[in-house]
Amino acid sequence: VADIMTEKSPDMKKIIMPTQYEYLDLITANMS
């Protein structure tokens, strides 16, 4: 999610991650 805040045109396909559940995806966070 930090990249969404800082990049002018974030590539959402590279930021969104699939979970083990078919219809549920995740954008992660960390101390960044």
PDB file of all heavy atoms in Angstrom:
ATOM      1  N   VAL A   1       0.820  -1.203   0.000  1.00  0.00           N
ATOM      2  CA  VAL A   1       0.000   0.000   0.000  1.00  0.00           C
ATOM      3  C   VAL A   1       0.862   1.265   0.000  1.00  0.00           C
ATOM      4  O   VAL A   1       0.443   2.321  -0.491  1.00  0.00           O
ATOM      5  CB  VAL A   1      -0.984  -0.032   1.197  1.00  0.00           C
ATOM      6  CG1 VAL A   1      -0.242   0.177   2.512  1.00  0.00           C
ATOM      7  CG2 VAL A   1      -2.098   0.989   1.026  1.00  0.00           C
ATOM      8  N   ALA A   2       2.055   1.172   0.534  1.00  0.00           N
ATOM      9  CA  ALA A   2       2.964   2.326   0.536  1.00  0.00           C
ATOM     10  C   ALA A   2       3.253   2.807  -0.881  1.00  0.00           C
ATOM     11  O   ALA A   2       3.409   4.010  -1.118  1.00  0.00           O
ATOM     12  CB  ALA A   2       4.267   1.966   1.249  1.00  0.00           C
ATOM     13  N   ASP A   3       3.308   1.880  -1.838  1.00  0.00           N
ATOM     14  CA  ASP A   3       3.579   2.261  -3.220  1.00  0.00           C
ATOM     15  C   ASP A   3       2.409   3.023  -3.838  1.00  0.00           C
ATOM     16  O   ASP A   3       2.610   3.870  -4.711  1.00  0.00           O
ATOM     17  CB  ASP A   3       3.894   1.012  -4.045  1.00  0.00           C
ATOM     18  CG  ASP A   3       5.167   0.333  -3.576  1.00  0.00           C
ATOM     19  OD1 ASP A   3       6.256   0.832  -3.889  1.00  0.00           O
ATOM     20  OD2 ASP A   3       5.066  -0.682  -2.863  1.00  0.00           O
ATOM     21  N   ILE A   4       1.189   2.724  -3.393  1.00  0.00           N
ATOM     22  CA  ILE A   4       0.032   3.505  -3.866  1.00  0.00           C
ATOM     23  C   ILE A   4       0.145   4.944  -3.390  1.00  0.00           C
ATOM     24  O   ILE A   4      -0.194   5.887  -4.113  1.00  0.00           O
ATOM     25  CB  ILE A   4      -1.289   2.879  -3.373  1.00  0.00           C
ATOM     26  CG1 ILE A   4      -1.461   1.478  -3.960  1.00  0.00           C
ATOM     27  CG2 ILE A   4      -2.481   3.760  -3.734  1.00  0.00           C
ATOM     28  CD1 ILE A   4      -2.705   0.762  -3.483  1.00  0.00           C
ATOM     29  N   MET A   5       0.646   5.117  -2.181  1.00  0.00           N
ATOM     30  CA  MET A   5       0.771   6.465  -1.620  1.00  0.00           C
ATOM     31  C   MET A   5       1.873   7.276  -2.298  1.00  0.00           C
ATOM     32  O   MET A   5       1.747   8.491  -2.437  1.00  0.00           O
ATOM     33  CB  MET A   5       1.049   6.374  -0.118  1.00  0.00           C
ATOM     34  CG  MET A   5      -0.119   5.851   0.711  1.00  0.00           C
ATOM     35  SD  MET A   5      -1.562   6.929   0.639  1.00  0.00           S
ATOM     36  CE  MET A   5      -0.949   8.381   1.486  1.00  0.00           C
ATOM     37  N   THR A   6       2.934   6.623  -2.742  1.00  0.00           N
ATOM     38  CA  THR A   6       4.103   7.379  -3.190  1.00  0.00           C
ATOM     39  C   THR A   6       4.301   7.401  -4.705  1.00  0.00           C
ATOM     40  O   THR A   6       4.917   8.335  -5.225  1.00  0.00           O
ATOM     41  CB  THR A   6       5.383   6.812  -2.542  1.00  0.00           C
ATOM     42  OG1 THR A   6       5.478   5.403  -2.827  1.00  0.00           O
ATOM     43  CG2 THR A   6       5.366   7.030  -1.034  1.00  0.00           C
ATOM     44  N   GLU A   7       3.819   6.391  -5.426  1.00  0.00           N
ATOM     45  CA  GLU A   7       4.029   6.354  -6.873  1.00  0.00           C
ATOM     46  C   GLU A   7       2.948   7.148  -7.597  1.00  0.00           C
ATOM     47  O   GLU A   7       1.778   7.072  -7.261  1.00  0.00           O
ATOM     48  CB  GLU A   7       4.036   4.904  -7.372  1.00  0.00           C
ATOM     49  CG  GLU A   7       5.226   4.097  -6.865  1.00  0.00           C
ATOM     50  CD  GLU A   7       5.240   2.684  -7.426  1.00  0.00           C
ATOM     51  OE1 GLU A   7       4.385   2.367  -8.293  1.00  0.00           O
ATOM     52  OE2 GLU A   7       6.106   1.897  -7.007  1.00  0.00           O
ATOM     53  N   LYS A   8       3.349   7.872  -8.619  1.00  0.00           N
ATOM     54  CA  LYS A   8       2.406   8.712  -9.347  1.00  0.00           C
ATOM     55  C   LYS A   8       1.397   7.879 -10.132  1.00  0.00           C
ATOM     56  O   LYS A   8       0.201   8.207 -10.183  1.00  0.00           O
ATOM     57  CB  LYS A   8       3.153   9.661 -10.290  1.00  0.00           C
ATOM     58  CG  LYS A   8       2.252  10.690 -10.944  1.00  0.00           C
ATOM     59  CD  LYS A   8       3.059  11.737 -11.685  1.00  0.00           C
ATOM     60  CE  LYS A   8       2.136  12.818 -12.250  1.00  0.00           C
ATOM     61  NZ  LYS A   8       2.909  13.875 -12.953  1.00  0.00           N
ATOM     62  N   SER A   9       1.841   6.805 -10.734  1.00  0.00           N
ATOM     63  CA  SER A   9       0.952   5.916 -11.491  1.00  0.00           C
ATOM     64  C   SER A   9       1.235   4.474 -11.082  1.00  0.00           C
ATOM     65  O   SER A   9       1.890   3.723 -11.827  1.00  0.00           O
ATOM     66  CB  SER A   9       1.156   6.097 -12.996  1.00  0.00           C
ATOM     67  OG  SER A   9       0.863   7.420 -13.396  1.00  0.00           O
ATOM     68  N   PRO A  10       0.793   4.072  -9.893  1.00  0.00           N
ATOM     69  CA  PRO A  10       1.106   2.728  -9.409  1.00  0.00           C
ATOM     70  C   PRO A  10       0.480   1.644 -10.297  1.00  0.00           C
ATOM     71  O   PRO A  10      -0.648   1.785 -10.761  1.00  0.00           O
ATOM     72  CB  PRO A  10       0.495   2.709  -8.003  1.00  0.00           C
ATOM     73  CG  PRO A  10      -0.568   3.759  -8.032  1.00  0.00           C
ATOM     74  CD  PRO A  10      -0.062   4.823  -8.957  1.00  0.00           C
ATOM     75  N   ASP A  11       1.249   0.585 -10.530  1.00  0.00           N
ATOM     76  CA  ASP A  11       0.760  -0.554 -11.302  1.00  0.00           C
ATOM     77  C   ASP A  11       0.009  -1.468 -10.344  1.00  0.00           C
ATOM     78  O   ASP A  11       0.617  -2.254  -9.607  1.00  0.00           O
ATOM     79  CB  ASP A  11       1.936  -1.288 -11.942  1.00  0.00           C
ATOM     80  CG  ASP A  11       1.489  -2.408 -12.883  1.00  0.00           C
ATOM     81  OD1 ASP A  11       0.317  -2.822 -12.789  1.00  0.00           O
ATOM     82  OD2 ASP A  11       2.309  -2.858 -13.691  1.00  0.00           O
ATOM     83  N   MET A  12      -1.319  -1.391 -10.353  1.00  0.00           N
ATOM     84  CA  MET A  12      -2.120  -2.121  -9.380  1.00  0.00           C
ATOM     85  C   MET A  12      -1.982  -3.631  -9.552  1.00  0.00           C
ATOM     86  O   MET A  12      -2.124  -4.385  -8.588  1.00  0.00           O
ATOM     87  CB  MET A  12      -3.577  -1.692  -9.484  1.00  0.00           C
ATOM     88  CG  MET A  12      -3.813  -0.214  -9.151  1.00  0.00           C
ATOM     89  SD  MET A  12      -3.306   0.215  -7.466  1.00  0.00           S
ATOM     90  CE  MET A  12      -4.669  -0.500  -6.532  1.00  0.00           C
ATOM     91  N   LYS A  13      -1.712  -4.084 -10.757  1.00  0.00           N
ATOM     92  CA  LYS A  13      -1.561  -5.530 -10.981  1.00  0.00           C
ATOM     93  C   LYS A  13      -0.345  -6.077 -10.243  1.00  0.00           C
ATOM     94  O   LYS A  13      -0.311  -7.260  -9.886  1.00  0.00           O
ATOM     95  CB  LYS A  13      -1.457  -5.820 -12.478  1.00  0.00           C
ATOM     96  CG  LYS A  13      -2.761  -5.582 -13.236  1.00  0.00           C
ATOM     97  CD  LYS A  13      -2.626  -5.946 -14.703  1.00  0.00           C
ATOM     98  CE  LYS A  13      -3.943  -5.727 -15.438  1.00  0.00           C
ATOM     99  NZ  LYS A  13      -3.829  -6.070 -16.891  1.00  0.00           N
ATOM    100  N   LYS A  14       0.657  -5.221 -10.046  1.00  0.00           N
ATOM    101  CA  LYS A  14       1.850  -5.654  -9.321  1.00  0.00           C
ATOM    102  C   LYS A  14       1.691  -5.493  -7.805  1.00  0.00           C
ATOM    103  O   LYS A  14       2.458  -6.089  -7.038  1.00  0.00           O
ATOM    104  CB  LYS A  14       3.073  -4.858  -9.796  1.00  0.00           C
ATOM    105  CG  LYS A  14       3.483  -5.181 -11.221  1.00  0.00           C
ATOM    106  CD  LYS A  14       4.728  -4.415 -11.614  1.00  0.00           C
ATOM    107  CE  LYS A  14       5.158  -4.774 -13.048  1.00  0.00           C
ATOM    108  NZ  LYS A  14       6.372  -4.018 -13.456  1.00  0.00           N
ATOM    109  N   ILE A  15       0.722  -4.703  -7.386  1.00  0.00           N
ATOM    110  CA  ILE A  15       0.514  -4.444  -5.962  1.00  0.00           C
ATOM    111  C   ILE A  15      -0.509  -5.399  -5.362  1.00  0.00           C
ATOM    112  O   ILE A  15      -0.357  -5.855  -4.222  1.00  0.00           O
ATOM    113  CB  ILE A  15       0.078  -2.973  -5.758  1.00  0.00           C
ATOM    114  CG1 ILE A  15       1.200  -2.028  -6.187  1.00  0.00           C
ATOM    115  CG2 ILE A  15      -0.312  -2.712  -4.310  1.00  0.00           C
ATOM    116  CD1 ILE A  15       0.823  -0.561  -6.192  1.00  0.00           C
ATOM    117  N   ILE A  16      -1.553  -5.735  -6.112  1.00  0.00           N
ATOM    118  CA  ILE A  16      -2.606  -6.627  -5.620  1.00  0.00           C
ATOM    119  C   ILE A  16      -2.104  -8.066  -5.630  1.00  0.00           C
ATOM    120  O   ILE A  16      -1.537  -8.545  -6.608  1.00  0.00           O
ATOM    121  CB  ILE A  16      -3.869  -6.501  -6.493  1.00  0.00           C
ATOM    122  CG1 ILE A  16      -4.459  -5.094  -6.349  1.00  0.00           C
ATOM    123  CG2 ILE A  16      -4.899  -7.560  -6.120  1.00  0.00           C
ATOM    124  CD1 ILE A  16      -5.581  -4.796  -7.326  1.00  0.00           C
ATOM    125  N   MET A  17      -2.327  -8.752  -4.509  1.00  0.00           N
ATOM    126  CA  MET A  17      -1.880 -10.135  -4.372  1.00  0.00           C
ATOM    127  C   MET A  17      -3.077 -11.055  -4.155  1.00  0.00           C
ATOM    128  O   MET A  17      -3.994 -10.725  -3.397  1.00  0.00           O
ATOM    129  CB  MET A  17      -0.912 -10.262  -3.187  1.00  0.00           C
ATOM    130  CG  MET A  17       0.305  -9.379  -3.306  1.00  0.00           C
ATOM    131  SD  MET A  17       1.433  -9.578  -1.908  1.00  0.00           S
ATOM    132  CE  MET A  17       1.989 -11.248  -2.189  1.00  0.00           C
ATOM    133  N   PRO A  18      -3.081 -12.229  -4.785  1.00  0.00           N
ATOM    134  CA  PRO A  18      -4.157 -13.180  -4.532  1.00  0.00           C
ATOM    135  C   PRO A  18      -3.985 -13.844  -3.165  1.00  0.00           C
ATOM    136  O   PRO A  18      -2.854 -14.036  -2.708  1.00  0.00           O
ATOM    137  CB  PRO A  18      -3.998 -14.200  -5.657  1.00  0.00           C
ATOM    138  CG  PRO A  18      -2.538 -14.158  -5.998  1.00  0.00           C
ATOM    139  CD  PRO A  18      -2.112 -12.726  -5.793  1.00  0.00           C
ATOM    140  N   THR A  19      -5.084 -14.167  -2.521  1.00  0.00           N
ATOM    141  CA  THR A  19      -5.035 -14.979  -1.308  1.00  0.00           C
ATOM    142  C   THR A  19      -5.378 -16.423  -1.687  1.00  0.00           C
ATOM    143  O   THR A  19      -5.587 -16.736  -2.853  1.00  0.00           O
ATOM    144  CB  THR A  19      -6.042 -14.476  -0.254  1.00  0.00           C
ATOM    145  OG1 THR A  19      -7.380 -14.768  -0.705  1.00  0.00           O
ATOM    146  CG2 THR A  19      -5.886 -12.977  -0.033  1.00  0.00           C
ATOM    147  N   GLN A  20      -5.485 -17.282  -0.687  1.00  0.00           N
ATOM    148  CA  GLN A  20      -5.847 -18.673  -0.948  1.00  0.00           C
ATOM    149  C   GLN A  20      -7.335 -18.831  -1.252  1.00  0.00           C
ATOM    150  O   GLN A  20      -7.789 -19.936  -1.561  1.00  0.00           O
ATOM    151  CB  GLN A  20      -5.466 -19.571   0.239  1.00  0.00           C
ATOM    152  CG  GLN A  20      -6.119 -19.234   1.566  1.00  0.00           C
ATOM    153  CD  GLN A  20      -5.285 -18.304   2.427  1.00  0.00           C
ATOM    154  OE1 GLN A  20      -4.836 -17.256   1.956  1.00  0.00           O
ATOM    155  NE2 GLN A  20      -5.083 -18.700   3.676  1.00  0.00           N
ATOM    156  N   TYR A  21      -8.082 -17.721  -1.180  1.00  0.00           N
ATOM    157  CA  TYR A  21      -9.524 -17.764  -1.440  1.00  0.00           C
ATOM    158  C   TYR A  21      -9.796 -17.156  -2.819  1.00  0.00           C
ATOM    159  O   TYR A  21      -9.332 -16.066  -3.137  1.00  0.00           O
ATOM    160  CB  TYR A  21     -10.271 -17.010  -0.331  1.00  0.00           C
ATOM    161  CG  TYR A  21      -9.927 -17.550   1.032  1.00  0.00           C
ATOM    162  CD1 TYR A  21      -9.014 -16.891   1.850  1.00  0.00           C
ATOM    163  CD2 TYR A  21     -10.476 -18.748   1.493  1.00  0.00           C
ATOM    164  CE1 TYR A  21      -8.664 -17.393   3.099  1.00  0.00           C
ATOM    165  CE2 TYR A  21     -10.132 -19.260   2.732  1.00  0.00           C
ATOM    166  CZ  TYR A  21      -9.221 -18.580   3.527  1.00  0.00           C
ATOM    167  OH  TYR A  21      -8.872 -19.100   4.758  1.00  0.00           O
ATOM    168  N   GLU A  22     -10.589 -17.843  -3.599  1.00  0.00           N
ATOM    169  CA  GLU A  22     -10.731 -17.535  -5.023  1.00  0.00           C
ATOM    170  C   GLU A  22     -11.153 -16.100  -5.309  1.00  0.00           C
ATOM    171  O   GLU A  22     -10.620 -15.459  -6.212  1.00  0.00           O
ATOM    172  CB  GLU A  22     -11.740 -18.504  -5.648  1.00  0.00           C
ATOM    173  CG  GLU A  22     -11.936 -18.293  -7.147  1.00  0.00           C
ATOM    174  CD  GLU A  22     -12.924 -19.272  -7.754  1.00  0.00           C
ATOM    175  OE1 GLU A  22     -13.504 -20.082  -6.997  1.00  0.00           O
ATOM    176  OE2 GLU A  22     -13.125 -19.221  -8.987  1.00  0.00           O
ATOM    177  N   TYR A  23     -12.094 -15.590  -4.561  1.00  0.00           N
ATOM    178  CA  TYR A  23     -12.658 -14.267  -4.855  1.00  0.00           C
ATOM    179  C   TYR A  23     -12.077 -13.159  -3.984  1.00  0.00           C
ATOM    180  O   TYR A  23     -12.613 -12.052  -3.974  1.00  0.00           O
ATOM    181  CB  TYR A  23     -14.173 -14.297  -4.692  1.00  0.00           C
ATOM    182  CG  TYR A  23     -14.880 -15.194  -5.681  1.00  0.00           C
ATOM    183  CD1 TYR A  23     -15.702 -16.229  -5.239  1.00  0.00           C
ATOM    184  CD2 TYR A  23     -14.733 -15.013  -7.049  1.00  0.00           C
ATOM    185  CE1 TYR A  23     -16.355 -17.057  -6.138  1.00  0.00           C
ATOM    186  CE2 TYR A  23     -15.378 -15.828  -7.964  1.00  0.00           C
ATOM    187  CZ  TYR A  23     -16.186 -16.848  -7.500  1.00  0.00           C
ATOM    188  OH  TYR A  23     -16.823 -17.670  -8.388  1.00  0.00           O
ATOM    189  N   LEU A  24     -11.017 -13.447  -3.252  1.00  0.00           N
ATOM    190  CA  LEU A  24     -10.474 -12.479  -2.302  1.00  0.00           C
ATOM    191  C   LEU A  24      -9.012 -12.171  -2.600  1.00  0.00           C
ATOM    192  O   LEU A  24      -8.156 -13.055  -2.564  1.00  0.00           O
ATOM    193  CB  LEU A  24     -10.611 -13.020  -0.871  1.00  0.00           C
ATOM    194  CG  LEU A  24     -10.050 -12.145   0.262  1.00  0.00           C
ATOM    195  CD1 LEU A  24     -10.663 -10.754   0.262  1.00  0.00           C
ATOM    196  CD2 LEU A  24     -10.283 -12.836   1.609  1.00  0.00           C
ATOM    197  N   ASP A  25      -8.734 -10.894  -2.909  1.00  0.00           N
ATOM    198  CA  ASP A  25      -7.376 -10.417  -3.131  1.00  0.00           C
ATOM    199  C   ASP A  25      -6.986  -9.434  -2.030  1.00  0.00           C
ATOM    200  O   ASP A  25      -7.842  -8.922  -1.303  1.00  0.00           O
ATOM    201  CB  ASP A  25      -7.265  -9.735  -4.493  1.00  0.00           C
ATOM    202  CG  ASP A  25      -7.430 -10.712  -5.654  1.00  0.00           C
ATOM    203  OD1 ASP A  25      -7.223 -11.921  -5.456  1.00  0.00           O
ATOM    204  OD2 ASP A  25      -7.783 -10.256  -6.753  1.00  0.00           O
ATOM    205  N   LEU A  26      -5.683  -9.148  -1.947  1.00  0.00           N
ATOM    206  CA  LEU A  26      -5.157  -8.346  -0.840  1.00  0.00           C
ATOM    207  C   LEU A  26      -4.104  -7.365  -1.323  1.00  0.00           C
ATOM    208  O   LEU A  26      -3.275  -7.697  -2.178  1.00  0.00           O
ATOM    209  CB  LEU A  26      -4.552  -9.287   0.208  1.00  0.00           C
ATOM    210  CG  LEU A  26      -3.835  -8.653   1.409  1.00  0.00           C
ATOM    211  CD1 LEU A  26      -4.831  -7.944   2.320  1.00  0.00           C
ATOM    212  CD2 LEU A  26      -3.074  -9.729   2.190  1.00  0.00           C
ATOM    213  N   ILE A  27      -4.141  -6.156  -0.774  1.00  0.00           N
ATOM    214  CA  ILE A  27      -3.027  -5.217  -0.866  1.00  0.00           C
ATOM    215  C   ILE A  27      -2.387  -5.174   0.516  1.00  0.00           C
ATOM    216  O   ILE A  27      -3.058  -4.848   1.504  1.00  0.00           O
ATOM    217  CB  ILE A  27      -3.484  -3.818  -1.300  1.00  0.00           C
ATOM    218  CG1 ILE A  27      -4.030  -3.858  -2.730  1.00  0.00           C
ATOM    219  CG2 ILE A  27      -2.334  -2.816  -1.202  1.00  0.00           C
ATOM    220  CD1 ILE A  27      -4.600  -2.541  -3.216  1.00  0.00           C
ATOM    221  N   THR A  28      -1.133  -5.535   0.586  1.00  0.00           N
ATOM    222  CA  THR A  28      -0.482  -5.693   1.882  1.00  0.00           C
ATOM    223  C   THR A  28       0.057  -4.358   2.413  1.00  0.00           C
ATOM    224  O   THR A  28       0.103  -3.355   1.700  1.00  0.00           O
ATOM    225  CB  THR A  28       0.692  -6.693   1.778  1.00  0.00           C
ATOM    226  OG1 THR A  28       1.687  -6.154   0.893  1.00  0.00           O
ATOM    227  CG2 THR A  28       0.207  -8.044   1.268  1.00  0.00           C
ATOM    228  N   ALA A  29       0.487  -4.407   3.671  1.00  0.00           N
ATOM    229  CA  ALA A  29       1.123  -3.247   4.307  1.00  0.00           C
ATOM    230  C   ALA A  29       2.275  -3.726   5.180  1.00  0.00           C
ATOM    231  O   ALA A  29       2.310  -4.872   5.632  1.00  0.00           O
ATOM    232  CB  ALA A  29       0.117  -2.465   5.141  1.00  0.00           C
ATOM    233  N   ASN A  30       3.198  -2.825   5.419  1.00  0.00           N
ATOM    234  CA  ASN A  30       4.292  -3.066   6.356  1.00  0.00           C
ATOM    235  C   ASN A  30       4.776  -1.704   6.860  1.00  0.00           C
ATOM    236  O   ASN A  30       4.142  -0.678   6.592  1.00  0.00           O
ATOM    237  CB  ASN A  30       5.426  -3.871   5.694  1.00  0.00           C
ATOM    238  CG  ASN A  30       5.909  -3.223   4.404  1.00  0.00           C
ATOM    239  OD1 ASN A  30       6.186  -2.018   4.363  1.00  0.00           O
ATOM    240  ND2 ASN A  30       6.002  -4.015   3.328  1.00  0.00           N
ATOM    241  N   MET A  31       5.870  -1.687   7.591  1.00  0.00           N
ATOM    242  CA  MET A  31       6.347  -0.445   8.199  1.00  0.00           C
ATOM    243  C   MET A  31       6.760   0.612   7.170  1.00  0.00           C
ATOM    244  O   MET A  31       6.937   1.780   7.516  1.00  0.00           O
ATOM    245  CB  MET A  31       7.517  -0.746   9.137  1.00  0.00           C
ATOM    246  CG  MET A  31       7.097  -1.395  10.436  1.00  0.00           C
ATOM    247  SD  MET A  31       6.122  -0.264  11.476  1.00  0.00           S
ATOM    248  CE  MET A  31       5.660  -1.350  12.823  1.00  0.00           C
ATOM    249  N   SER A  32       6.875   0.214   5.911  1.00  0.00           N
ATOM    250  CA  SER A  32       7.173   1.195   4.866  1.00  0.00           C
ATOM    251  C   SER A  32       6.079   2.248   4.750  1.00  0.00           C
ATOM    252  O   SER A  32       6.325   3.354   4.255  1.00  0.00           O
ATOM    253  CB  SER A  32       7.347   0.494   3.509  1.00  0.00           C
ATOM    254  OG  SER A  32       8.407  -0.427   3.542  1.00  0.00           O
TER     255      SER A  32
END
